[in-house]
Each structure stands twice: as structure tokens, then as C-alpha cells.
Amino acid sequence: MVEMVTSLQPRLAVPAVVGRLRRIEGQACALNRMYEEGRSAEDLVDQIAALRGALLGLGLVIAGHEIAGRVAADPLRASSPSTRAAEASTLLPRLVRP
């Protein structure tokens, strides 16, 4: 099993994450409002695609930060940077699963 860091260290830039989370929240609220208004399936699917893209973008930012952190030299870890990168790269396929 791959060891995952439970806390992102050093921490991701808060505005980058919070801004994306707010955008996702707004898109989810818009989707709900559109559904309640009886908007067309085409409009709903377009909004779902936008929401999915925003979620993927956030996931890529977080996964990229984790991968970069694992590759950085850490004298306390016994594994090589390439081994740590391979371990962290398991995050990416989780983002693109259907």
C-alpha cells in the first residue's frame, strides 16, 4: 500500500485552493438552480461538464503538489526520488477514472 501524506506540507497556496473550491461550489449551486428551474438536459450536461473540469483542475493542483513534494530531496526518507515519484503518481489515475 502506498503511504499518502495526510497533510500537504509545505501547504498549498491557500488562494489557489480556496478560489477553486469556491468556483466548484458556485458551479454546483448553479447546477441545482438550473435543475429546479427545469432547464434543458443540454444546459444541465454543459454545467456538469464545467463542474467536472473544475474538480479535475483542483485534483491536478493537489496531486501535482504532492508529487513535487515527494520528489524533492528528503534526507530522512530511505527511498529514492524516482521511487517516491512513482508512488505519488498513483494519484493521477484516480482523477481520470470514469
C-alpha atoms as a PDB file:
ATOM      1  CA  MET A   1       0.000   0.000   0.000  1.00  0.00           C
ATOM      2  CA  VAL A   2       1.252   3.478  -0.850  1.00  0.00           C
ATOM      3  CA  GLU A   3       1.791   5.818   2.080  1.00  0.00           C
ATOM      4  CA  MET A   4      -0.118   9.042   1.499  1.00  0.00           C
ATOM      5  CA  VAL A   5       0.679  12.232   3.327  1.00  0.00           C
ATOM      6  CA  THR A   6      -2.433  13.332   5.196  1.00  0.00           C
ATOM      7  CA  SER A   7      -1.388  16.956   5.395  1.00  0.00           C
ATOM      8  CA  LEU A   8       0.091  18.787   2.427  1.00  0.00           C
ATOM      9  CA  GLN A   9       3.489  20.073   3.532  1.00  0.00           C
ATOM     10  CA  PRO A  10       4.562  22.656   2.693  1.00  0.00           C
ATOM     11  CA  ARG A  11       0.982  23.763   2.427  1.00  0.00           C
ATOM     12  CA  LEU A  12      -0.501  24.605  -0.942  1.00  0.00           C
ATOM     13  CA  ALA A  13      -1.047  28.280  -1.606  1.00  0.00           C
ATOM     14  CA  VAL A  14      -4.369  28.893   0.109  1.00  0.00           C
ATOM     15  CA  PRO A  15      -5.784  31.313  -2.504  1.00  0.00           C
ATOM     16  CA  ALA A  16      -5.183  28.775  -5.279  1.00  0.00           C
ATOM     17  CA  VAL A  17      -7.155  26.068  -3.491  1.00  0.00           C
ATOM     18  CA  VAL A  18      -9.830  28.248  -1.889  1.00  0.00           C
ATOM     19  CA  GLY A  19     -10.530  30.025  -5.169  1.00  0.00           C
ATOM     20  CA  ARG A  20     -11.003  26.727  -6.963  1.00  0.00           C
ATOM     21  CA  LEU A  21     -13.214  25.383  -4.175  1.00  0.00           C
ATOM     22  CA  ARG A  22     -15.414  28.487  -4.326  1.00  0.00           C
ATOM     23  CA  ARG A  23     -15.710  28.142  -8.089  1.00  0.00           C
ATOM     24  CA  ILE A  24     -16.739  24.500  -7.678  1.00  0.00           C
ATOM     25  CA  GLU A  25     -19.268  25.455  -5.015  1.00  0.00           C
ATOM     26  CA  GLY A  26     -20.741  28.127  -7.279  1.00  0.00           C
ATOM     27  CA  GLN A  27     -20.990  25.739 -10.201  1.00  0.00           C
ATOM     28  CA  ALA A  28     -22.709  23.099  -8.039  1.00  0.00           C
ATOM     29  CA  CYS A  29     -25.225  25.684  -6.777  1.00  0.00           C
ATOM     30  CA  ALA A  30     -25.848  26.820 -10.351  1.00  0.00           C
ATOM     31  CA  LEU A  31     -26.459  23.231 -11.417  1.00  0.00           C
ATOM     32  CA  ASN A  32     -29.006  22.771  -8.635  1.00  0.00           C
ATOM     33  CA  ARG A  33     -30.740  26.050  -9.545  1.00  0.00           C
ATOM     34  CA  MET A  34     -30.813  25.107 -13.224  1.00  0.00           C
ATOM     35  CA  TYR A  35     -32.383  21.744 -12.396  1.00  0.00           C
ATOM     36  CA  GLU A  36     -35.014  23.348 -10.164  1.00  0.00           C
ATOM     37  CA  GLU A  37     -35.836  25.829 -12.941  1.00  0.00           C
ATOM     38  CA  GLY A  38     -36.424  22.950 -15.348  1.00  0.00           C
ATOM     39  CA  ARG A  39     -33.593  23.859 -17.708  1.00  0.00           C
ATOM     40  CA  SER A  40     -32.881  21.589 -20.657  1.00  0.00           C
ATOM     41  CA  ALA A  41     -30.801  18.442 -20.413  1.00  0.00           C
ATOM     42  CA  GLU A  42     -28.273  20.083 -22.735  1.00  0.00           C
ATOM     43  CA  ASP A  43     -27.836  23.009 -20.325  1.00  0.00           C
ATOM     44  CA  LEU A  44     -27.514  20.650 -17.353  1.00  0.00           C
ATOM     45  CA  VAL A  45     -24.935  18.480 -19.101  1.00  0.00           C
ATOM     46  CA  ASP A  46     -22.919  21.571 -20.060  1.00  0.00           C
ATOM     47  CA  GLN A  47     -22.920  22.682 -16.420  1.00  0.00           C
ATOM     48  CA  ILE A  48     -21.941  19.192 -15.257  1.00  0.00           C
ATOM     49  CA  ALA A  49     -19.027  19.242 -17.716  1.00  0.00           C
ATOM     50  CA  ALA A  50     -17.885  22.602 -16.344  1.00  0.00           C
ATOM     51  CA  LEU A  51     -18.135  21.308 -12.787  1.00  0.00           C
ATOM     52  CA  ARG A  52     -16.227  18.158 -13.679  1.00  0.00           C
ATOM     53  CA  GLY A  53     -13.485  20.255 -15.295  1.00  0.00           C
ATOM     54  CA  ALA A  54     -13.190  22.424 -12.191  1.00  0.00           C
ATOM     55  CA  LEU A  55     -12.934  19.347  -9.970  1.00  0.00           C
ATOM     56  CA  LEU A  56     -10.285  17.833 -12.229  1.00  0.00           C
ATOM     57  CA  GLY A  57      -8.301  21.073 -12.183  1.00  0.00           C
ATOM     58  CA  LEU A  58      -8.345  21.134  -8.387  1.00  0.00           C
ATOM     59  CA  GLY A  59      -7.323  17.489  -8.246  1.00  0.00           C
ATOM     60  CA  LEU A  60      -4.408  18.132 -10.585  1.00  0.00           C
ATOM     61  CA  VAL A  61      -3.193  21.047  -8.469  1.00  0.00           C
ATOM     62  CA  ILE A  62      -3.293  18.928  -5.311  1.00  0.00           C
ATOM     63  CA  ALA A  63      -1.765  15.835  -6.957  1.00  0.00           C
ATOM     64  CA  GLY A  64       0.955  17.925  -8.604  1.00  0.00           C
ATOM     65  CA  HIS A  65       1.841  19.472  -5.279  1.00  0.00           C
ATOM     66  CA  GLU A  66       2.045  16.039  -3.661  1.00  0.00           C
ATOM     67  CA  ILE A  67       4.221  14.642  -6.454  1.00  0.00           C
ATOM     68  CA  ALA A  68       6.570  17.630  -6.327  1.00  0.00           C
ATOM     69  CA  GLY A  69       6.845  17.287  -2.561  1.00  0.00           C
ATOM     70  CA  ARG A  70       7.700  13.611  -2.805  1.00  0.00           C
ATOM     71  CA  VAL A  71      10.323  14.143  -5.494  1.00  0.00           C
ATOM     72  CA  ALA A  72      12.071  16.904  -3.548  1.00  0.00           C
ATOM     73  CA  ALA A  73      15.164  15.735  -1.739  1.00  0.00           C
ATOM     74  CA  ASP A  74      14.345  14.488   1.744  1.00  0.00           C
ATOM     75  CA  PRO A  75      17.311  13.015   3.589  1.00  0.00           C
ATOM     76  CA  LEU A  76      15.020  11.340   6.141  1.00  0.00           C
ATOM     77  CA  ARG A  77      13.362   9.123   3.538  1.00  0.00           C
ATOM     78  CA  ALA A  78      15.078   5.922   2.544  1.00  0.00           C
ATOM     79  CA  SER A  79      13.537   5.690  -0.933  1.00  0.00           C
ATOM     80  CA  SER A  80      14.921   7.453  -3.995  1.00  0.00           C
ATOM     81  CA  PRO A  81      13.170  10.462  -5.580  1.00  0.00           C
ATOM     82  CA  SER A  82      12.126   8.318  -8.557  1.00  0.00           C
ATOM     83  CA  THR A  83      10.565   5.732  -6.242  1.00  0.00           C
ATOM     84  CA  ARG A  84       8.691   8.453  -4.351  1.00  0.00           C
ATOM     85  CA  ALA A  85       7.502   9.944  -7.642  1.00  0.00           C
ATOM     86  CA  ALA A  86       6.262   6.543  -8.804  1.00  0.00           C
ATOM     87  CA  GLU A  87       4.388   6.095  -5.537  1.00  0.00           C
ATOM     88  CA  ALA A  88       2.806   9.548  -5.771  1.00  0.00           C
ATOM     89  CA  SER A  89       1.908   9.087  -9.437  1.00  0.00           C
ATOM     90  CA  THR A  90      -0.822   6.675  -8.345  1.00  0.00           C
ATOM     91  CA  LEU A  91      -2.834   9.801  -7.567  1.00  0.00           C
ATOM     92  CA  LEU A  92      -3.253  10.802 -11.209  1.00  0.00           C
ATOM     93  CA  PRO A  93      -5.162   7.746 -12.441  1.00  0.00           C
ATOM     94  CA  ARG A  94      -7.619   8.205  -9.581  1.00  0.00           C
ATOM     95  CA  LEU A  95      -8.551  11.600 -11.034  1.00  0.00           C
ATOM     96  CA  VAL A  96      -9.341  10.363 -14.525  1.00  0.00           C
ATOM     97  CA  ARG A  97     -11.328   7.230 -13.717  1.00  0.00           C
ATOM     98  CA  PRO A  98     -14.767   7.308 -15.302  1.00  0.00           C
END
